[in-house]
């Protein structure tokens, strides 16, 4: 599915990392590995799932999250799950 405003997702993901997970986003890039580089654990993934759904309306499953190795993978997964009305605006 083609998204017209994917640029809105990355700032929100960074805000979630910063605000909800207390991660120093100055050291995070699209290629940062969520576990090895960012330091996310199972609790952080659970908090992140809730925050992503609350802020972006994208409901990710545990399987979706487990398939994400990098921040870029997570961004792609969120884009794929955006509600249709948001994705096409």
N, C-alpha and C. Protein backbone atom coordinates (compact mmCIF):
# COMPACT_ATOMS: atom_id res chain seq x y z
N UNK A 1 0.85 -1.17 0.00
CA UNK A 1 0.00 0.00 0.00
C UNK A 1 0.90 1.24 0.00
N UNK A 2 0.61 2.17 -0.86
CA UNK A 2 1.40 3.41 -0.97
C UNK A 2 0.90 4.43 0.05
N UNK A 3 1.83 4.95 0.85
CA UNK A 3 1.48 5.95 1.86
C UNK A 3 1.83 7.33 1.33
N UNK A 4 0.95 8.29 1.54
CA UNK A 4 1.24 9.63 1.04
C UNK A 4 2.00 10.48 2.05
N UNK A 5 1.93 10.13 3.34
CA UNK A 5 2.62 10.92 4.36
C UNK A 5 3.43 10.06 5.32
N UNK A 6 4.32 9.23 4.82
CA UNK A 6 5.10 8.38 5.73
C UNK A 6 6.07 9.19 6.59
N UNK A 7 6.38 10.42 6.18
CA UNK A 7 7.31 11.23 6.95
C UNK A 7 6.78 11.55 8.34
N UNK A 8 5.48 11.41 8.54
CA UNK A 8 4.90 11.70 9.86
C UNK A 8 5.17 10.58 10.85
N UNK A 9 5.48 9.39 10.37
CA UNK A 9 5.66 8.25 11.26
C UNK A 9 6.98 8.33 12.03
N UNK A 10 8.08 8.63 11.35
CA UNK A 10 9.37 8.62 12.02
C UNK A 10 9.43 9.59 13.20
N UNK A 11 8.98 10.85 13.07
CA UNK A 11 9.01 11.73 14.24
C UNK A 11 8.19 11.19 15.41
N UNK A 12 7.05 10.57 15.12
CA UNK A 12 6.23 10.00 16.19
C UNK A 12 6.93 8.81 16.84
N UNK A 13 7.58 7.96 16.04
CA UNK A 13 8.32 6.84 16.62
C UNK A 13 9.45 7.34 17.50
N UNK A 14 10.16 8.36 17.05
CA UNK A 14 11.24 8.92 17.86
C UNK A 14 10.68 9.53 19.15
N UNK A 15 9.53 10.18 19.06
CA UNK A 15 8.90 10.75 20.26
C UNK A 15 8.51 9.64 21.24
N UNK A 16 8.02 8.53 20.73
CA UNK A 16 7.67 7.39 21.59
C UNK A 16 8.92 6.86 22.28
N UNK A 17 10.00 6.69 21.52
CA UNK A 17 11.25 6.21 22.11
C UNK A 17 11.71 7.16 23.20
N UNK A 18 11.65 8.45 22.93
CA UNK A 18 12.11 9.46 23.88
C UNK A 18 11.19 9.59 25.08
N UNK A 19 9.90 9.78 24.83
CA UNK A 19 8.95 10.12 25.89
C UNK A 19 8.45 8.91 26.67
N UNK A 20 8.14 7.83 25.97
CA UNK A 20 7.54 6.67 26.62
C UNK A 20 8.58 5.67 27.12
N UNK A 21 9.72 5.61 26.42
CA UNK A 21 10.73 4.59 26.76
C UNK A 21 12.02 5.18 27.32
N UNK A 22 12.08 6.50 27.44
CA UNK A 22 13.27 7.18 28.00
C UNK A 22 14.57 6.79 27.31
N UNK A 23 14.53 6.73 25.99
CA UNK A 23 15.70 6.37 25.19
C UNK A 23 16.31 7.65 24.62
N UNK A 24 17.62 7.74 24.68
CA UNK A 24 18.35 8.88 24.12
C UNK A 24 18.31 8.77 22.60
N UNK A 25 17.43 9.55 21.97
CA UNK A 25 17.24 9.41 20.52
C UNK A 25 18.37 10.04 19.71
N UNK A 26 19.27 10.75 20.35
CA UNK A 26 20.39 11.34 19.61
C UNK A 26 21.33 10.26 19.07
N UNK A 27 21.23 9.06 19.62
CA UNK A 27 22.09 7.97 19.16
C UNK A 27 21.33 6.93 18.33
N UNK A 28 20.13 7.28 17.91
CA UNK A 28 19.27 6.34 17.19
C UNK A 28 19.15 6.76 15.73
N UNK A 29 19.29 5.78 14.83
CA UNK A 29 19.08 6.02 13.40
C UNK A 29 18.13 4.96 12.86
N UNK A 30 17.76 5.11 11.60
CA UNK A 30 16.86 4.14 10.95
C UNK A 30 17.45 2.73 10.98
N UNK A 31 18.79 2.63 10.97
CA UNK A 31 19.45 1.33 10.96
C UNK A 31 19.77 0.79 12.35
N UNK A 32 19.40 1.54 13.38
CA UNK A 32 19.66 1.09 14.75
C UNK A 32 18.86 -0.17 15.04
N UNK A 33 19.55 -1.18 15.58
CA UNK A 33 18.87 -2.42 15.96
C UNK A 33 18.17 -2.19 17.29
N UNK A 34 16.89 -2.55 17.34
CA UNK A 34 16.05 -2.25 18.49
C UNK A 34 16.57 -2.85 19.79
N UNK A 35 17.05 -4.08 19.74
CA UNK A 35 17.53 -4.75 20.95
C UNK A 35 19.00 -4.41 21.20
N UNK A 36 19.85 -4.66 20.23
CA UNK A 36 21.29 -4.52 20.42
C UNK A 36 21.77 -3.07 20.54
N UNK A 37 21.20 -2.17 19.73
CA UNK A 37 21.67 -0.78 19.72
C UNK A 37 20.83 0.13 20.62
N UNK A 38 19.51 -0.01 20.54
CA UNK A 38 18.60 0.86 21.28
C UNK A 38 18.42 0.36 22.71
N UNK A 39 18.57 -0.94 22.92
CA UNK A 39 18.46 -1.51 24.26
C UNK A 39 17.06 -1.87 24.68
N UNK A 40 16.18 -2.07 23.71
CA UNK A 40 14.80 -2.42 24.06
C UNK A 40 14.74 -3.86 24.56
N UNK A 41 13.87 -4.07 25.56
CA UNK A 41 13.62 -5.40 26.09
C UNK A 41 12.12 -5.69 25.96
N UNK A 42 11.67 -6.80 26.53
CA UNK A 42 10.27 -7.19 26.36
C UNK A 42 9.31 -6.16 26.95
N UNK A 43 9.69 -5.54 28.06
CA UNK A 43 8.83 -4.51 28.66
C UNK A 43 8.76 -3.30 27.73
N UNK A 44 9.90 -2.88 27.18
CA UNK A 44 9.92 -1.74 26.26
C UNK A 44 9.08 -2.02 25.02
N UNK A 45 9.14 -3.25 24.51
CA UNK A 45 8.32 -3.61 23.35
C UNK A 45 6.83 -3.50 23.70
N UNK A 46 6.45 -3.96 24.88
CA UNK A 46 5.04 -3.90 25.29
C UNK A 46 4.58 -2.46 25.43
N UNK A 47 5.38 -1.63 26.09
CA UNK A 47 5.05 -0.21 26.25
C UNK A 47 4.99 0.45 24.87
N UNK A 48 5.96 0.12 24.01
CA UNK A 48 6.00 0.68 22.67
C UNK A 48 4.78 0.32 21.84
N UNK A 49 4.32 -0.93 21.96
CA UNK A 49 3.13 -1.35 21.22
C UNK A 49 1.93 -0.50 21.60
N UNK A 50 1.74 -0.27 22.90
CA UNK A 50 0.61 0.52 23.39
C UNK A 50 0.75 1.97 22.91
N UNK A 51 1.94 2.52 23.03
CA UNK A 51 2.16 3.91 22.63
C UNK A 51 1.95 4.10 21.13
N UNK A 52 2.40 3.16 20.32
CA UNK A 52 2.22 3.24 18.87
C UNK A 52 0.73 3.22 18.52
N UNK A 53 -0.02 2.35 19.20
CA UNK A 53 -1.45 2.30 18.92
C UNK A 53 -2.14 3.58 19.39
N UNK A 54 -1.77 4.08 20.57
CA UNK A 54 -2.38 5.30 21.09
C UNK A 54 -2.07 6.52 20.23
N UNK A 55 -0.81 6.68 19.86
CA UNK A 55 -0.39 7.90 19.15
C UNK A 55 -0.65 7.85 17.65
N UNK A 56 -0.50 6.66 17.06
CA UNK A 56 -0.59 6.56 15.60
C UNK A 56 -1.81 5.79 15.12
N UNK A 57 -2.47 5.07 16.00
CA UNK A 57 -3.63 4.28 15.59
C UNK A 57 -3.26 3.02 14.85
N UNK A 58 -1.99 2.62 14.95
CA UNK A 58 -1.52 1.40 14.26
C UNK A 58 -1.42 0.28 15.28
N UNK A 59 -2.26 -0.72 15.15
CA UNK A 59 -2.26 -1.84 16.09
C UNK A 59 -1.31 -2.92 15.59
N UNK A 60 -0.15 -3.00 16.24
CA UNK A 60 0.84 -4.02 15.89
C UNK A 60 0.64 -5.25 16.76
N UNK A 61 0.81 -6.42 16.17
CA UNK A 61 0.75 -7.65 16.95
C UNK A 61 2.15 -7.93 17.51
N UNK A 62 2.20 -8.85 18.44
CA UNK A 62 3.50 -9.25 18.99
C UNK A 62 4.39 -9.80 17.88
N UNK A 63 3.79 -10.53 16.94
CA UNK A 63 4.55 -11.07 15.82
C UNK A 63 5.11 -9.95 14.94
N UNK A 64 4.32 -8.89 14.73
CA UNK A 64 4.80 -7.75 13.96
C UNK A 64 6.05 -7.18 14.61
N UNK A 65 5.98 -6.98 15.91
CA UNK A 65 7.13 -6.40 16.62
C UNK A 65 8.33 -7.31 16.61
N UNK A 66 8.11 -8.60 16.81
CA UNK A 66 9.22 -9.54 16.85
C UNK A 66 9.92 -9.66 15.50
N UNK A 67 9.23 -9.31 14.43
CA UNK A 67 9.85 -9.37 13.10
C UNK A 67 10.68 -8.12 12.81
N UNK A 68 10.61 -7.12 13.67
CA UNK A 68 11.34 -5.87 13.46
C UNK A 68 12.71 -5.94 14.14
N UNK A 69 13.75 -5.84 13.33
CA UNK A 69 15.09 -5.85 13.89
C UNK A 69 15.62 -4.43 14.09
N UNK A 70 15.25 -3.52 13.17
CA UNK A 70 15.76 -2.15 13.23
C UNK A 70 14.61 -1.15 13.37
N UNK A 71 14.97 0.09 13.66
CA UNK A 71 13.97 1.15 13.72
C UNK A 71 13.28 1.31 12.36
N UNK A 72 14.02 1.13 11.28
CA UNK A 72 13.45 1.20 9.94
C UNK A 72 12.41 0.10 9.72
N UNK A 73 12.70 -1.11 10.22
CA UNK A 73 11.73 -2.20 10.13
C UNK A 73 10.46 -1.85 10.89
N UNK A 74 10.64 -1.25 12.06
CA UNK A 74 9.48 -0.87 12.87
C UNK A 74 8.65 0.19 12.16
N UNK A 75 9.33 1.15 11.55
CA UNK A 75 8.63 2.20 10.82
C UNK A 75 7.81 1.59 9.67
N UNK A 76 8.41 0.65 8.95
CA UNK A 76 7.72 -0.03 7.85
C UNK A 76 6.50 -0.79 8.36
N UNK A 77 6.65 -1.47 9.50
CA UNK A 77 5.53 -2.23 10.08
C UNK A 77 4.40 -1.29 10.50
N UNK A 78 4.75 -0.15 11.07
CA UNK A 78 3.73 0.83 11.48
C UNK A 78 3.01 1.38 10.25
N UNK A 79 3.75 1.72 9.22
CA UNK A 79 3.13 2.23 7.99
C UNK A 79 2.14 1.24 7.41
N UNK A 80 2.49 -0.04 7.47
CA UNK A 80 1.61 -1.07 6.92
C UNK A 80 0.32 -1.22 7.74
N UNK A 81 0.36 -0.80 9.00
CA UNK A 81 -0.80 -0.98 9.88
C UNK A 81 -1.60 0.30 10.11
N UNK A 82 -1.17 1.40 9.49
CA UNK A 82 -1.92 2.65 9.68
C UNK A 82 -3.35 2.49 9.19
N UNK A 83 -4.29 3.08 9.91
CA UNK A 83 -5.68 3.06 9.41
C UNK A 83 -5.74 3.69 8.03
N UNK A 84 -6.63 3.20 7.20
CA UNK A 84 -6.72 3.64 5.82
C UNK A 84 -6.94 5.15 5.73
N UNK A 85 -7.77 5.73 6.60
CA UNK A 85 -8.01 7.17 6.51
C UNK A 85 -6.76 7.98 6.80
N UNK A 86 -5.87 7.51 7.67
CA UNK A 86 -4.61 8.20 7.94
C UNK A 86 -3.63 7.99 6.82
N UNK A 87 -3.59 6.79 6.30
CA UNK A 87 -2.62 6.44 5.27
C UNK A 87 -2.86 7.21 3.98
N UNK A 88 -4.10 7.56 3.72
CA UNK A 88 -4.42 8.21 2.46
C UNK A 88 -4.64 9.72 2.60
N UNK A 89 -4.32 10.27 3.75
CA UNK A 89 -4.53 11.72 3.92
C UNK A 89 -3.35 12.51 3.48
